[in-house]
Protein backbone atom coordinates (compact mmCIF):
# COMPACT_ATOMS: atom_id res chain seq x y z
CA MET A 1 181.14 86.09 107.08
CA ASN A 2 183.61 88.95 106.70
CA THR A 3 186.76 88.97 108.52
CA TYR A 4 188.98 92.11 109.75
CA LYS A 5 192.49 92.98 110.59
CA THR A 6 193.13 94.93 113.85
CA ALA A 7 193.94 98.11 111.72
CA GLU A 8 190.59 97.70 109.89
CA ILE A 9 188.64 97.28 113.14
CA ALA A 10 190.23 100.19 114.64
CA ARG A 11 189.72 102.22 111.42
CA ASN A 12 186.24 101.48 111.17
CA ILE A 13 185.11 101.85 114.96
CA GLY A 14 187.20 104.91 115.20
CA ILE A 15 189.61 103.73 117.85
CA HIS A 16 193.29 103.03 118.45
CA PRO A 17 194.55 99.65 117.50
CA ASN A 18 195.80 99.35 121.14
CA THR A 19 192.36 99.77 122.21
CA VAL A 20 191.16 96.92 120.15
CA ARG A 21 193.82 94.75 122.08
CA LEU A 22 192.76 96.28 125.44
CA TYR A 23 188.94 95.43 124.78
CA GLU A 24 190.27 91.81 123.97
CA GLU A 25 192.19 91.65 127.31
CA LEU A 26 189.21 93.13 129.38
CA GLY A 27 186.77 90.52 127.90
CA LEU A 28 184.66 93.21 126.23
CA ILE A 29 184.74 91.33 122.78
CA PRO A 30 185.09 87.57 122.34
CA LYS A 31 188.80 86.22 121.68
CA PRO A 32 189.48 86.36 118.14
CA GLU A 33 191.17 83.36 116.32
CA ARG A 34 194.60 83.97 114.82
CA GLN A 35 196.42 83.24 111.65
CA SER A 36 199.59 81.01 111.56
CA ASN A 37 201.62 84.31 111.73
CA GLY A 38 199.92 85.51 115.03
CA TYR A 39 197.72 88.10 113.53
CA ARG A 40 194.32 88.29 114.93
CA VAL A 41 191.13 87.79 112.75
CA PHE A 42 187.81 89.28 113.57
CA THR A 43 184.56 88.90 112.22
CA ASP A 44 181.38 90.74 111.57
CA PHE A 45 180.30 89.75 115.17
CA HIS A 46 183.26 91.53 116.53
CA MET A 47 182.62 94.45 114.79
CA GLU A 48 179.09 94.85 116.09
CA GLN A 49 180.42 93.85 119.59
CA PHE A 50 182.85 96.64 119.23
CA LYS A 51 180.39 99.16 118.39
CA PHE A 52 178.16 97.96 120.97
CA ALA A 53 180.69 98.45 123.83
CA LYS A 54 181.74 101.87 122.43
CA THR A 55 178.07 102.91 122.61
CA ALA A 56 177.62 101.36 126.25
CA LEU A 57 180.98 103.05 127.49
CA LYS A 58 179.80 106.54 126.48
CA VAL A 59 177.99 106.74 129.76
CA GLU A 60 180.06 108.17 132.56
CA VAL A 61 177.30 107.80 135.16
CA LEU A 62 179.31 106.00 138.16
CA GLN A 63 177.24 106.04 141.17
CA ASN A 64 175.55 102.81 142.77
CA GLY A 65 177.43 100.26 140.70
CA LEU A 66 176.14 101.44 137.43
CA ARG A 67 179.49 101.47 135.60
CA LYS A 68 179.92 97.85 136.62
CA LYS A 69 176.37 96.95 135.42
CA VAL A 70 177.57 98.56 131.92
CA ILE A 71 180.90 96.23 132.03
CA ASP A 72 178.75 93.25 132.81
CA ILE A 73 176.44 93.92 130.06
CA ILE A 74 179.21 94.27 127.52
CA LYS A 75 180.83 91.17 128.56
CA THR A 76 177.65 88.99 128.47
CA SER A 77 177.02 90.08 125.02
CA ALA A 78 180.72 89.28 124.10
CA ALA A 79 180.05 85.66 125.43
CA GLY A 80 176.99 85.64 123.18
CA ASN A 81 174.29 85.37 125.77
CA PHE A 82 172.31 88.02 124.17
CA ASP A 83 169.02 87.38 126.01
CA ARG A 84 170.80 87.71 129.30
CA ALA A 85 172.42 90.87 128.11
CA ILE A 86 169.13 92.33 127.15
CA CYS A 87 167.78 91.40 130.78
CA LEU A 88 170.83 93.06 132.40
CA THR A 89 170.19 96.15 130.28
CA LYS A 90 166.47 96.43 131.28
CA SER A 91 167.73 96.13 135.00
CA TYR A 92 170.34 98.88 134.20
CA LEU A 93 167.64 101.14 132.38
CA GLN A 94 165.34 100.69 135.54
CA GLN A 95 167.97 101.75 137.97
CA ILE A 96 168.98 104.96 135.97
CA LYS A 97 165.07 105.73 136.09
CA LYS A 98 165.25 105.30 139.97
CA GLU A 99 168.36 107.52 140.12
CA GLN A 100 166.33 110.24 138.08
CA ARG A 101 163.41 109.96 140.51
CA ASN A 102 165.92 110.36 143.39
CA ALA A 103 167.41 113.42 141.80
CA GLU A 104 164.11 115.00 141.11
CA GLU A 105 162.80 114.19 144.62
CA ALA A 106 165.85 115.84 146.11
CA ILE A 107 164.99 119.07 144.27
CA VAL A 108 161.47 118.86 145.56
CA ILE A 109 162.69 118.42 149.22
CA THR A 110 164.94 121.15 148.70
CA GLU A 111 162.22 123.69 147.32
CA GLN A 112 160.18 122.53 150.33
CA LEU A 113 162.89 123.23 152.75
CA LEU A 114 163.54 126.31 151.47
CA SER A 115 159.83 127.29 151.53
CA ASN A 116 159.55 126.40 155.25
CA SER A 117 162.83 128.68 155.83
CA LYS A 118 160.32 131.50 155.58
CA GLN A 119 158.09 130.46 158.39
CA GLU A 120 158.85 131.32 161.85
CA THR A 121 161.88 129.55 163.18
CA ASN A 122 162.38 128.02 166.75
CA SER A 123 165.64 128.74 168.95
CA LEU A 124 167.35 125.17 168.92
CA PHE A 125 170.77 124.57 169.51
CA PHE A 126 172.88 121.48 168.51
CA THR A 127 176.44 120.48 169.34
CA ARG A 128 178.16 118.82 166.54
CA LYS A 129 177.42 115.24 167.80
CA GLU A 130 173.75 116.17 168.43
CA ALA A 131 173.45 117.65 164.92
CA ALA A 132 174.83 114.33 163.30
CA VAL A 133 172.53 112.18 165.26
CA HIS A 134 169.48 114.54 164.67
CA LEU A 135 170.38 114.23 160.96
CA GLN A 136 171.33 110.68 160.95
CA ILE A 137 174.63 111.35 159.27
CA SER A 138 178.18 110.75 160.50
CA ILE A 139 180.45 113.55 162.19
CA ASP A 140 183.04 113.22 159.23
CA ALA A 141 180.13 114.10 156.90
CA LEU A 142 179.48 117.24 158.76
CA ARG A 143 183.15 118.23 158.81
CA ASN A 144 183.40 117.43 155.04
CA TRP A 145 180.67 119.64 154.04
CA GLU A 146 181.94 122.34 156.06
CA MET A 147 185.36 122.16 155.02
CA ASN A 148 184.09 122.22 151.37
CA GLY A 149 182.37 125.60 152.14
CA LEU A 150 178.70 124.45 151.90
CA PHE A 151 177.98 126.07 155.30
CA THR A 152 179.67 127.81 158.00
CA VAL A 153 179.01 126.75 161.53
CA LYS A 154 178.71 129.18 164.41
CA ARG A 155 180.96 128.94 167.58
CA LYS A 156 180.16 129.78 171.27
CA GLN A 157 182.72 131.89 173.15
CA ASN A 158 184.59 128.58 174.23
CA GLY A 159 185.10 127.65 170.63
CA TYR A 160 182.68 124.87 170.36
CA ARG A 161 180.41 124.51 167.21
CA VAL A 162 176.69 125.24 167.77
CA TYR A 163 174.13 124.45 165.03
CA THR A 164 170.79 126.57 164.89
CA ASP A 165 167.71 125.40 163.50
CA GLU A 166 168.63 127.21 160.60
CA ASP A 167 171.93 125.36 160.02
CA ILE A 168 169.71 122.13 160.46
CA ARG A 169 167.33 122.90 157.79
CA LEU A 170 170.53 123.77 155.33
CA LEU A 171 172.18 120.64 156.35
CA LYS A 172 168.91 118.73 155.56
CA ILE A 173 168.98 120.34 152.01
CA ILE A 174 172.71 119.01 151.81
CA ARG A 175 171.87 115.55 153.15
CA SER A 176 168.91 115.20 150.61
CA LEU A 177 171.07 116.37 147.44
CA ARG A 178 174.15 114.23 148.42
CA CYS A 179 171.79 111.14 149.01
CA ALA A 180 170.59 111.74 145.50
CA ASN A 181 174.45 111.99 144.25
CA TYR A 182 174.58 115.44 143.41
CA SER A 183 178.22 116.57 143.51
CA LEU A 184 179.58 119.02 146.52
CA THR A 185 180.53 121.49 143.74
CA ALA A 186 176.87 121.45 142.30
CA ILE A 187 175.40 121.87 145.62
CA LEU A 188 177.86 124.84 146.46
CA ARG A 189 177.03 126.19 143.01
CA MET A 190 173.22 126.26 143.90
CA LEU A 191 173.90 127.72 147.46
CA SER A 192 175.99 130.45 146.17
CA ALA A 193 173.23 131.27 143.53
CA LEU A 194 170.59 131.33 146.21
CA SER A 195 172.65 133.52 148.41
CA ASP A 196 172.63 136.03 145.22
CA ASN A 197 169.14 135.35 144.26
CA PRO A 198 166.50 133.45 146.75
CA GLN A 199 164.42 133.15 143.56
CA VAL A 200 166.93 131.54 141.30
CA ASN A 201 165.69 128.17 139.55
CA ILE A 202 167.63 125.70 141.54
CA ARG A 203 166.86 122.78 139.27
CA LYS A 204 168.54 124.75 136.54
CA VAL A 205 171.59 126.13 138.51
CA ILE A 206 172.43 122.87 140.18
CA ASP A 207 172.77 121.24 136.86
CA THR A 208 174.60 123.93 134.93
CA PRO A 209 178.28 124.32 135.79
CA LYS A 210 179.78 127.69 135.55
CA GLU A 211 182.00 128.67 132.37
CA ASN A 212 185.21 128.99 134.24
CA ASP A 213 185.10 125.77 136.02
CA ASP A 214 188.21 123.77 135.14
CA ILE A 215 187.07 120.26 135.72
CA VAL A 216 183.37 119.48 135.40
CA SER A 217 182.37 115.88 136.69
CA VAL A 218 179.41 114.04 135.78
CA CYS A 219 177.60 114.77 139.11
CA ASP A 220 178.02 118.34 138.53
CA LYS A 221 175.31 118.02 135.82
CA LEU A 222 173.59 115.17 137.30
CA LEU A 223 170.13 115.51 135.84
CA THR A 224 171.49 115.94 132.41
CA SER A 225 173.91 113.06 132.70
CA LEU A 226 171.11 110.75 133.97
CA ARG A 227 168.63 111.76 131.01
CA TYR A 228 171.75 110.98 128.61
CA ALA A 229 172.30 107.55 130.37
CA GLU A 230 168.65 106.75 129.90
CA LYS A 231 168.71 107.56 126.00
CA ASN A 232 171.98 105.53 125.83
CA ALA A 233 170.72 102.61 127.54
CA GLN A 234 167.61 102.61 125.36
CA ASN A 235 170.11 102.60 122.19
CA MET A 236 171.87 99.66 124.05
CA LEU A 237 168.84 97.66 124.02
CA LEU A 238 167.82 98.27 120.35
CA HIS A 239 171.64 97.35 119.33
CA LEU A 240 171.44 94.08 121.47
CA GLU A 241 168.26 93.20 119.50
CA THR A 242 169.79 93.69 116.30
CA ILE A 243 172.83 91.94 117.35
CA LYS A 244 170.78 88.92 118.77
CA LYS A 245 168.88 88.73 115.29
CA GLN A 246 171.93 88.83 113.20
CA PHE A 247 174.14 86.32 114.97
C-alpha cells in the first residue's frame, strides 16, 4: 500500500494542508500513524476517504438534519464500517427524495390556491390570533412573514390588524412553501413576480435567484439544490461500494 505525506494528500485532493489536519480532528478520516519525527503517514485508504469526504461535503442542503447525516456517513466510512455507511447513505438518499416530493407538492398546492383565488370569495375577517389558530401556525410566524414583506395586513380604524379570506389564502401559500423549506427570499421573489404577471411560471421563478442578489442561499434555489443533492448521494453510494471492494 502506498503512503503519503500531508502535503502530498493536500496537493492530490486539492485542499489546504490545514484542511487535512482539520479532517483528522473532526474524525472524517481515520487517524494516521506517525513517524518518529511526528510526521503523519497517510495510506491509500486515507486518500480515498479524503476524496469521499470532499464529494459528500459538496452538498449544502441543511434542512431536517441532512447535513448531520452526511457527517455521520463520512465518519462511519472513516471507521471502516462500509456496510453501515452504505445503509446510512441509502437512508439519506430517501430523505432527499422525500424533500423533493414535499417541495414539488408545495408548488402544486400553491398553483391550486392561486387558481381558487379566481373564484368567488367570502367576506371573512380574522384577528391575528384567529388567523394563527385557523392556519395552525404561531403568531410569531405571522409577524415574521409580515416583517419580511411577504404580505401587508390591513388594519381597522382602531389600528387592529384584520385578515381577510384573501389574506388567509396567501398565508396558506406561504405556509405550504415554508413547510417545504423554501426560503423567505424565494417566496418573496415568487410573490413579486406573480404581482407583475399572474401567469408567471412559479416553479421557475421560485428556483431562480435574481442576478443582482448579493447572497444566495441553498433554499433560495431549493429545487435545483435537491436535484444536485440526489445526484451527489448516488455518487456517494458508488464511491462507498468502490472503497468497500478495495479495502
